[in-house]
Amino acid sequence: MKKDIHPEYHMVTVKMTDGTEYQTRTTWGAEGDTLTLDIDPTSHPAWTGGNSRLMDQGGRVSRFKKKYEGLGF
């Protein structure tokens, strides 16, 4: 490998949304920093299997569904 072209690889703490923490190696931040996650596999519906409710009360999604309701989607 060429010298001085690769980013520094170091240990950081990752804090999940439920408060749990773990150590990992990364190029993000500096040695000893804490990365606090807003969304992670313990809370995101894509990983938890939960259903996400559309936050559209009679707006764009409803108008789209009404416009194309006769096409059998």
PDB file of N, CA and C in Angstrom:
ATOM      1  N   MET A   1       0.833  -1.179   0.000  1.00  0.00           N
ATOM      2  CA  MET A   1       0.000   0.000   0.000  1.00  0.00           C
ATOM      3  C   MET A   1       0.883   1.249   0.000  1.00  0.00           C
ATOM      4  N   LYS A   2       0.345   2.289  -0.602  1.00  0.00           N
ATOM      5  CA  LYS A   2       1.051   3.566  -0.581  1.00  0.00           C
ATOM      6  C   LYS A   2       0.926   4.198   0.798  1.00  0.00           C
ATOM      7  N   LYS A   3       1.949   4.902   1.209  1.00  0.00           N
ATOM      8  CA  LYS A   3       1.930   5.573   2.503  1.00  0.00           C
ATOM      9  C   LYS A   3       1.169   6.883   2.425  1.00  0.00           C
ATOM     10  N   ASP A   4       0.542   7.253   3.531  1.00  0.00           N
ATOM     11  CA  ASP A   4      -0.108   8.555   3.734  1.00  0.00           C
ATOM     12  C   ASP A   4      -1.266   8.862   2.794  1.00  0.00           C
ATOM     13  N   ILE A   5      -1.928   7.844   2.215  1.00  0.00           N
ATOM     14  CA  ILE A   5      -3.100   8.126   1.388  1.00  0.00           C
ATOM     15  C   ILE A   5      -4.376   7.524   1.987  1.00  0.00           C
ATOM     16  N   HIS A   6      -4.233   6.688   3.008  1.00  0.00           N
ATOM     17  CA  HIS A   6      -5.383   6.027   3.606  1.00  0.00           C
ATOM     18  C   HIS A   6      -5.840   6.779   4.855  1.00  0.00           C
ATOM     19  N   PRO A   7      -7.157   6.844   5.106  1.00  0.00           N
ATOM     20  CA  PRO A   7      -7.642   7.526   6.306  1.00  0.00           C
ATOM     21  C   PRO A   7      -7.260   6.758   7.570  1.00  0.00           C
ATOM     22  N   GLU A   8      -7.218   7.465   8.689  1.00  0.00           N
ATOM     23  CA  GLU A   8      -6.887   6.849   9.968  1.00  0.00           C
ATOM     24  C   GLU A   8      -8.032   5.933  10.409  1.00  0.00           C
ATOM     25  N   TYR A   9      -7.694   4.749  10.834  1.00  0.00           N
ATOM     26  CA  TYR A   9      -8.651   3.733  11.265  1.00  0.00           C
ATOM     27  C   TYR A   9      -8.513   3.586  12.772  1.00  0.00           C
ATOM     28  N   HIS A  10      -9.587   3.842  13.542  1.00  0.00           N
ATOM     29  CA  HIS A  10      -9.481   3.887  14.990  1.00  0.00           C
ATOM     30  C   HIS A  10     -10.777   3.389  15.641  1.00  0.00           C
ATOM     31  N   MET A  11     -10.766   3.296  16.977  1.00  0.00           N
ATOM     32  CA  MET A  11     -11.913   2.809  17.743  1.00  0.00           C
ATOM     33  C   MET A  11     -12.831   3.969  18.128  1.00  0.00           C
ATOM     34  N   VAL A  12     -14.166   3.757  17.963  1.00  0.00           N
ATOM     35  CA  VAL A  12     -15.182   4.701  18.423  1.00  0.00           C
ATOM     36  C   VAL A  12     -16.275   3.900  19.130  1.00  0.00           C
ATOM     37  N   THR A  13     -17.114   4.600  19.880  1.00  0.00           N
ATOM     38  CA  THR A  13     -18.256   3.994  20.546  1.00  0.00           C
ATOM     39  C   THR A  13     -19.508   4.349  19.765  1.00  0.00           C
ATOM     40  N   VAL A  14     -20.330   3.355  19.455  1.00  0.00           N
ATOM     41  CA  VAL A  14     -21.600   3.577  18.765  1.00  0.00           C
ATOM     42  C   VAL A  14     -22.706   3.424  19.795  1.00  0.00           C
ATOM     43  N   LYS A  15     -23.558   4.472  19.934  1.00  0.00           N
ATOM     44  CA  LYS A  15     -24.653   4.445  20.884  1.00  0.00           C
ATOM     45  C   LYS A  15     -25.956   4.269  20.118  1.00  0.00           C
ATOM     46  N   MET A  16     -26.663   3.158  20.372  1.00  0.00           N
ATOM     47  CA  MET A  16     -27.905   2.836  19.700  1.00  0.00           C
ATOM     48  C   MET A  16     -29.052   3.657  20.295  1.00  0.00           C
ATOM     49  N   THR A  17     -30.232   3.617  19.644  1.00  0.00           N
ATOM     50  CA  THR A  17     -31.376   4.396  20.106  1.00  0.00           C
ATOM     51  C   THR A  17     -31.913   3.899  21.444  1.00  0.00           C
ATOM     52  N   ASP A  18     -31.699   2.631  21.770  1.00  0.00           N
ATOM     53  CA  ASP A  18     -32.181   2.104  23.051  1.00  0.00           C
ATOM     54  C   ASP A  18     -31.170   2.299  24.178  1.00  0.00           C
ATOM     55  N   GLY A  19     -30.054   2.967  23.896  1.00  0.00           N
ATOM     56  CA  GLY A  19     -29.065   3.268  24.925  1.00  0.00           C
ATOM     57  C   GLY A  19     -27.897   2.310  24.990  1.00  0.00           C
ATOM     58  N   THR A  20     -27.971   1.172  24.317  1.00  0.00           N
ATOM     59  CA  THR A  20     -26.859   0.241  24.340  1.00  0.00           C
ATOM     60  C   THR A  20     -25.701   0.820  23.533  1.00  0.00           C
ATOM     61  N   GLU A  21     -24.497   0.416  23.892  1.00  0.00           N
ATOM     62  CA  GLU A  21     -23.297   0.910  23.235  1.00  0.00           C
ATOM     63  C   GLU A  21     -22.392  -0.251  22.869  1.00  0.00           C
ATOM     64  N   TYR A  22     -21.615  -0.055  21.821  1.00  0.00           N
ATOM     65  CA  TYR A  22     -20.586  -1.026  21.479  1.00  0.00           C
ATOM     66  C   TYR A  22     -19.417  -0.312  20.817  1.00  0.00           C
ATOM     67  N   GLN A  23     -18.270  -0.940  20.861  1.00  0.00           N
ATOM     68  CA  GLN A  23     -17.043  -0.398  20.284  1.00  0.00           C
ATOM     69  C   GLN A  23     -16.840  -0.992  18.890  1.00  0.00           C
ATOM     70  N   THR A  24     -16.401  -0.154  17.966  1.00  0.00           N
ATOM     71  CA  THR A  24     -16.096  -0.632  16.622  1.00  0.00           C
ATOM     72  C   THR A  24     -14.984   0.208  16.034  1.00  0.00           C
ATOM     73  N   ARG A  25     -14.370  -0.304  15.000  1.00  0.00           N
ATOM     74  CA  ARG A  25     -13.306   0.431  14.308  1.00  0.00           C
ATOM     75  C   ARG A  25     -13.910   1.128  13.091  1.00  0.00           C
ATOM     76  N   THR A  26     -13.468   2.347  12.825  1.00  0.00           N
ATOM     77  CA  THR A  26     -14.028   3.130  11.737  1.00  0.00           C
ATOM     78  C   THR A  26     -13.061   4.239  11.330  1.00  0.00           C
ATOM     79  N   THR A  27     -13.388   4.901  10.231  1.00  0.00           N
ATOM     80  CA  THR A  27     -12.644   6.093   9.825  1.00  0.00           C
ATOM     81  C   THR A  27     -13.402   7.349  10.205  1.00  0.00           C
ATOM     82  N   TRP A  28     -14.629   7.216  10.772  1.00  0.00           N
ATOM     83  CA  TRP A  28     -15.452   8.352  11.186  1.00  0.00           C
ATOM     84  C   TRP A  28     -14.880   8.985  12.446  1.00  0.00           C
ATOM     85  N   GLY A  29     -14.910  10.293  12.551  1.00  0.00           N
ATOM     86  CA  GLY A  29     -14.544  11.001  13.768  1.00  0.00           C
ATOM     87  C   GLY A  29     -13.099  10.808  14.167  1.00  0.00           C
ATOM     88  N   ALA A  30     -12.877  10.852  15.476  1.00  0.00           N
ATOM     89  CA  ALA A  30     -11.536  10.690  16.033  1.00  0.00           C
ATOM     90  C   ALA A  30     -11.560   9.583  17.076  1.00  0.00           C
ATOM     91  N   GLU A  31     -10.390   9.133  17.468  1.00  0.00           N
ATOM     92  CA  GLU A  31     -10.251   8.075  18.469  1.00  0.00           C
ATOM     93  C   GLU A  31     -11.034   8.440  19.724  1.00  0.00           C
ATOM     94  N   GLY A  32     -11.925   7.539  20.181  1.00  0.00           N
ATOM     95  CA  GLY A  32     -12.671   7.744  21.407  1.00  0.00           C
ATOM     96  C   GLY A  32     -13.980   8.501  21.256  1.00  0.00           C
ATOM     97  N   ASP A  33     -14.323   8.987  20.068  1.00  0.00           N
ATOM     98  CA  ASP A  33     -15.594   9.690  19.856  1.00  0.00           C
ATOM     99  C   ASP A  33     -16.771   8.741  20.033  1.00  0.00           C
ATOM    100  N   THR A  34     -17.971   9.319  20.258  1.00  0.00           N
ATOM    101  CA  THR A  34     -19.200   8.540  20.364  1.00  0.00           C
ATOM    102  C   THR A  34     -20.114   8.919  19.215  1.00  0.00           C
ATOM    103  N   LEU A  35     -20.531   7.926  18.443  1.00  0.00           N
ATOM    104  CA  LEU A  35     -21.473   8.111  17.338  1.00  0.00           C
ATOM    105  C   LEU A  35     -22.855   7.746  17.865  1.00  0.00           C
ATOM    106  N   THR A  36     -23.752   8.742  17.972  1.00  0.00           N
ATOM    107  CA  THR A  36     -25.095   8.515  18.469  1.00  0.00           C
ATOM    108  C   THR A  36     -26.037   8.363  17.277  1.00  0.00           C
ATOM    109  N   LEU A  37     -26.717   7.223  17.200  1.00  0.00           N
ATOM    110  CA  LEU A  37     -27.588   6.926  16.073  1.00  0.00           C
ATOM    111  C   LEU A  37     -29.004   7.421  16.317  1.00  0.00           C
ATOM    112  N   ASP A  38     -29.639   7.980  15.280  1.00  0.00           N
ATOM    113  CA  ASP A  38     -31.043   8.376  15.344  1.00  0.00           C
ATOM    114  C   ASP A  38     -31.942   7.214  14.933  1.00  0.00           C
ATOM    115  N   ILE A  39     -31.473   6.418  13.980  1.00  0.00           N
ATOM    116  CA  ILE A  39     -32.201   5.252  13.484  1.00  0.00           C
ATOM    117  C   ILE A  39     -31.212   4.091  13.442  1.00  0.00           C
ATOM    118  N   ASP A  40     -31.632   2.953  13.933  1.00  0.00           N
ATOM    119  CA  ASP A  40     -30.771   1.773  13.903  1.00  0.00           C
ATOM    120  C   ASP A  40     -31.629   0.519  13.728  1.00  0.00           C
ATOM    121  N   PRO A  41     -31.017  -0.640  13.564  1.00  0.00           N
ATOM    122  CA  PRO A  41     -31.789  -1.870  13.337  1.00  0.00           C
ATOM    123  C   PRO A  41     -32.746  -2.243  14.464  1.00  0.00           C
ATOM    124  N   THR A  42     -32.573  -1.687  15.657  1.00  0.00           N
ATOM    125  CA  THR A  42     -33.496  -2.014  16.755  1.00  0.00           C
ATOM    126  C   THR A  42     -34.758  -1.168  16.721  1.00  0.00           C
ATOM    127  N   SER A  43     -34.772  -0.095  15.907  1.00  0.00           N
ATOM    128  CA  SER A  43     -35.933   0.784  15.907  1.00  0.00           C
ATOM    129  C   SER A  43     -36.552   1.013  14.531  1.00  0.00           C
ATOM    130  N   HIS A  44     -35.862   0.669  13.462  1.00  0.00           N
ATOM    131  CA  HIS A  44     -36.373   0.957  12.126  1.00  0.00           C
ATOM    132  C   HIS A  44     -37.309  -0.155  11.653  1.00  0.00           C
ATOM    133  N   PRO A  45     -38.492   0.196  11.108  1.00  0.00           N
ATOM    134  CA  PRO A  45     -39.469  -0.814  10.682  1.00  0.00           C
ATOM    135  C   PRO A  45     -38.945  -1.780   9.621  1.00  0.00           C
ATOM    136  N   ALA A  46     -37.984  -1.376   8.836  1.00  0.00           N
ATOM    137  CA  ALA A  46     -37.436  -2.270   7.812  1.00  0.00           C
ATOM    138  C   ALA A  46     -36.755  -3.486   8.440  1.00  0.00           C
ATOM    139  N   TRP A  47     -36.204  -3.330   9.644  1.00  0.00           N
ATOM    140  CA  TRP A  47     -35.538  -4.439  10.312  1.00  0.00           C
ATOM    141  C   TRP A  47     -36.401  -5.076  11.378  1.00  0.00           C
ATOM    142  N   THR A  48     -37.299  -4.323  11.980  1.00  0.00           N
ATOM    143  CA  THR A  48     -38.100  -4.869  13.079  1.00  0.00           C
ATOM    144  C   THR A  48     -39.344  -5.593  12.600  1.00  0.00           C
ATOM    145  N   GLY A  49     -39.715  -5.406  11.332  1.00  0.00           N
ATOM    146  CA  GLY A  49     -40.902  -6.054  10.805  1.00  0.00           C
ATOM    147  C   GLY A  49     -42.168  -5.291  11.115  1.00  0.00           C
ATOM    148  N   GLY A  50     -42.034  -4.151  11.743  1.00  0.00           N
ATOM    149  CA  GLY A  50     -43.196  -3.328  12.056  1.00  0.00           C
ATOM    150  C   GLY A  50     -43.710  -2.642  10.800  1.00  0.00           C
ATOM    151  N   ASN A  51     -44.884  -2.099  10.911  1.00  0.00           N
ATOM    152  CA  ASN A  51     -45.414  -1.386   9.759  1.00  0.00           C
ATOM    153  C   ASN A  51     -45.301   0.104  10.012  1.00  0.00           C
ATOM    154  N   SER A  52     -44.868   0.818   9.015  1.00  0.00           N
ATOM    155  CA  SER A  52     -44.767   2.264   9.165  1.00  0.00           C
ATOM    156  C   SER A  52     -46.050   2.895   8.657  1.00  0.00           C
ATOM    157  N   ARG A  53     -46.597   3.773   9.445  1.00  0.00           N
ATOM    158  CA  ARG A  53     -47.843   4.440   9.090  1.00  0.00           C
ATOM    159  C   ARG A  53     -47.513   5.659   8.255  1.00  0.00           C
ATOM    160  N   LEU A  54     -48.198   5.810   7.152  1.00  0.00           N
ATOM    161  CA  LEU A  54     -47.976   6.978   6.310  1.00  0.00           C
ATOM    162  C   LEU A  54     -48.484   8.217   7.017  1.00  0.00           C
ATOM    163  N   MET A  55     -47.658   9.209   7.118  1.00  0.00           N
ATOM    164  CA  MET A  55     -48.018  10.439   7.811  1.00  0.00           C
ATOM    165  C   MET A  55     -48.676  11.398   6.823  1.00  0.00           C
ATOM    166  N   ASP A  56     -49.720  10.926   6.163  1.00  0.00           N
ATOM    167  CA  ASP A  56     -50.387  11.705   5.131  1.00  0.00           C
ATOM    168  C   ASP A  56     -51.878  11.672   5.402  1.00  0.00           C
ATOM    169  N   GLN A  57     -52.405  12.701   5.963  1.00  0.00           N
ATOM    170  CA  GLN A  57     -53.823  12.760   6.287  1.00  0.00           C
ATOM    171  C   GLN A  57     -54.565  13.481   5.174  1.00  0.00           C
ATOM    172  N   GLY A  58     -54.934  12.754   4.133  1.00  0.00           N
ATOM    173  CA  GLY A  58     -55.680  13.344   3.032  1.00  0.00           C
ATOM    174  C   GLY A  58     -54.820  14.171   2.087  1.00  0.00           C
ATOM    175  N   GLY A  59     -53.551  13.869   2.024  1.00  0.00           N
ATOM    176  CA  GLY A  59     -52.639  14.650   1.196  1.00  0.00           C
ATOM    177  C   GLY A  59     -52.265  13.945  -0.094  1.00  0.00           C
ATOM    178  N   ARG A  60     -50.998  13.958  -0.420  1.00  0.00           N
ATOM    179  CA  ARG A  60     -50.507  13.461  -1.703  1.00  0.00           C
ATOM    180  C   ARG A  60     -50.780  11.980  -1.929  1.00  0.00           C
ATOM    181  N   VAL A  61     -50.543  11.164  -0.907  1.00  0.00           N
ATOM    182  CA  VAL A  61     -50.742   9.717  -1.061  1.00  0.00           C
ATOM    183  C   VAL A  61     -52.217   9.413  -1.290  1.00  0.00           C
ATOM    184  N   SER A  62     -53.084  10.054  -0.532  1.00  0.00           N
ATOM    185  CA  SER A  62     -54.522   9.830  -0.687  1.00  0.00           C
ATOM    186  C   SER A  62     -55.011  10.267  -2.064  1.00  0.00           C
ATOM    187  N   ARG A  63     -54.522  11.385  -2.550  1.00  0.00           N
ATOM    188  CA  ARG A  63     -54.916  11.852  -3.889  1.00  0.00           C
ATOM    189  C   ARG A  63     -54.434  10.884  -4.965  1.00  0.00           C
ATOM    190  N   PHE A  64     -53.222  10.350  -4.801  1.00  0.00           N
ATOM    191  CA  PHE A  64     -52.688   9.385  -5.754  1.00  0.00           C
ATOM    192  C   PHE A  64     -53.543   8.122  -5.781  1.00  0.00           C
ATOM    193  N   LYS A  65     -53.854   7.596  -4.590  1.00  0.00           N
ATOM    194  CA  LYS A  65     -54.670   6.382  -4.516  1.00  0.00           C
ATOM    195  C   LYS A  65     -56.047   6.597  -5.131  1.00  0.00           C
ATOM    196  N   LYS A  66     -56.643   7.736  -4.866  1.00  0.00           N
ATOM    197  CA  LYS A  66     -57.968   8.028  -5.425  1.00  0.00           C
ATOM    198  C   LYS A  66     -57.912   8.155  -6.940  1.00  0.00           C
ATOM    199  N   LYS A  67     -56.877   8.786  -7.455  1.00  0.00           N
ATOM    200  CA  LYS A  67     -56.727   9.010  -8.897  1.00  0.00           C
ATOM    201  C   LYS A  67     -56.605   7.680  -9.647  1.00  0.00           C
ATOM    202  N   TYR A  68     -55.878   6.721  -9.053  1.00  0.00           N
ATOM    203  CA  TYR A  68     -55.599   5.464  -9.727  1.00  0.00           C
ATOM    204  C   TYR A  68     -56.342   4.260  -9.139  1.00  0.00           C
ATOM    205  N   GLU A  69     -57.417   4.478  -8.374  1.00  0.00           N
ATOM    206  CA  GLU A  69     -58.116   3.376  -7.719  1.00  0.00           C
ATOM    207  C   GLU A  69     -58.767   2.403  -8.692  1.00  0.00           C
ATOM    208  N   GLY A  70     -59.143   2.851  -9.885  1.00  0.00           N
ATOM    209  CA  GLY A  70     -59.809   1.991 -10.852  1.00  0.00           C
ATOM    210  C   GLY A  70     -58.887   1.081 -11.642  1.00  0.00           C
ATOM    211  N   LEU A  71     -57.573   1.227 -11.470  1.00  0.00           N
ATOM    212  CA  LEU A  71     -56.619   0.422 -12.232  1.00  0.00           C
ATOM    213  C   LEU A  71     -56.285  -0.914 -11.568  1.00  0.00           C
ATOM    214  N   GLY A  72     -56.778  -1.131 -10.367  1.00  0.00           N
ATOM    215  CA  GLY A  72     -56.596  -2.417  -9.699  1.00  0.00           C
ATOM    216  C   GLY A  72     -55.246  -2.622  -9.047  1.00  0.00           C
ATOM    217  N   PHE A  73     -54.615  -1.564  -8.590  1.00  0.00           N
ATOM    218  CA  PHE A  73     -53.321  -1.712  -7.906  1.00  0.00           C
ATOM    219  C   PHE A  73     -53.524  -2.236  -6.525  1.00  0.00           C
TER     220      PHE A  73
END
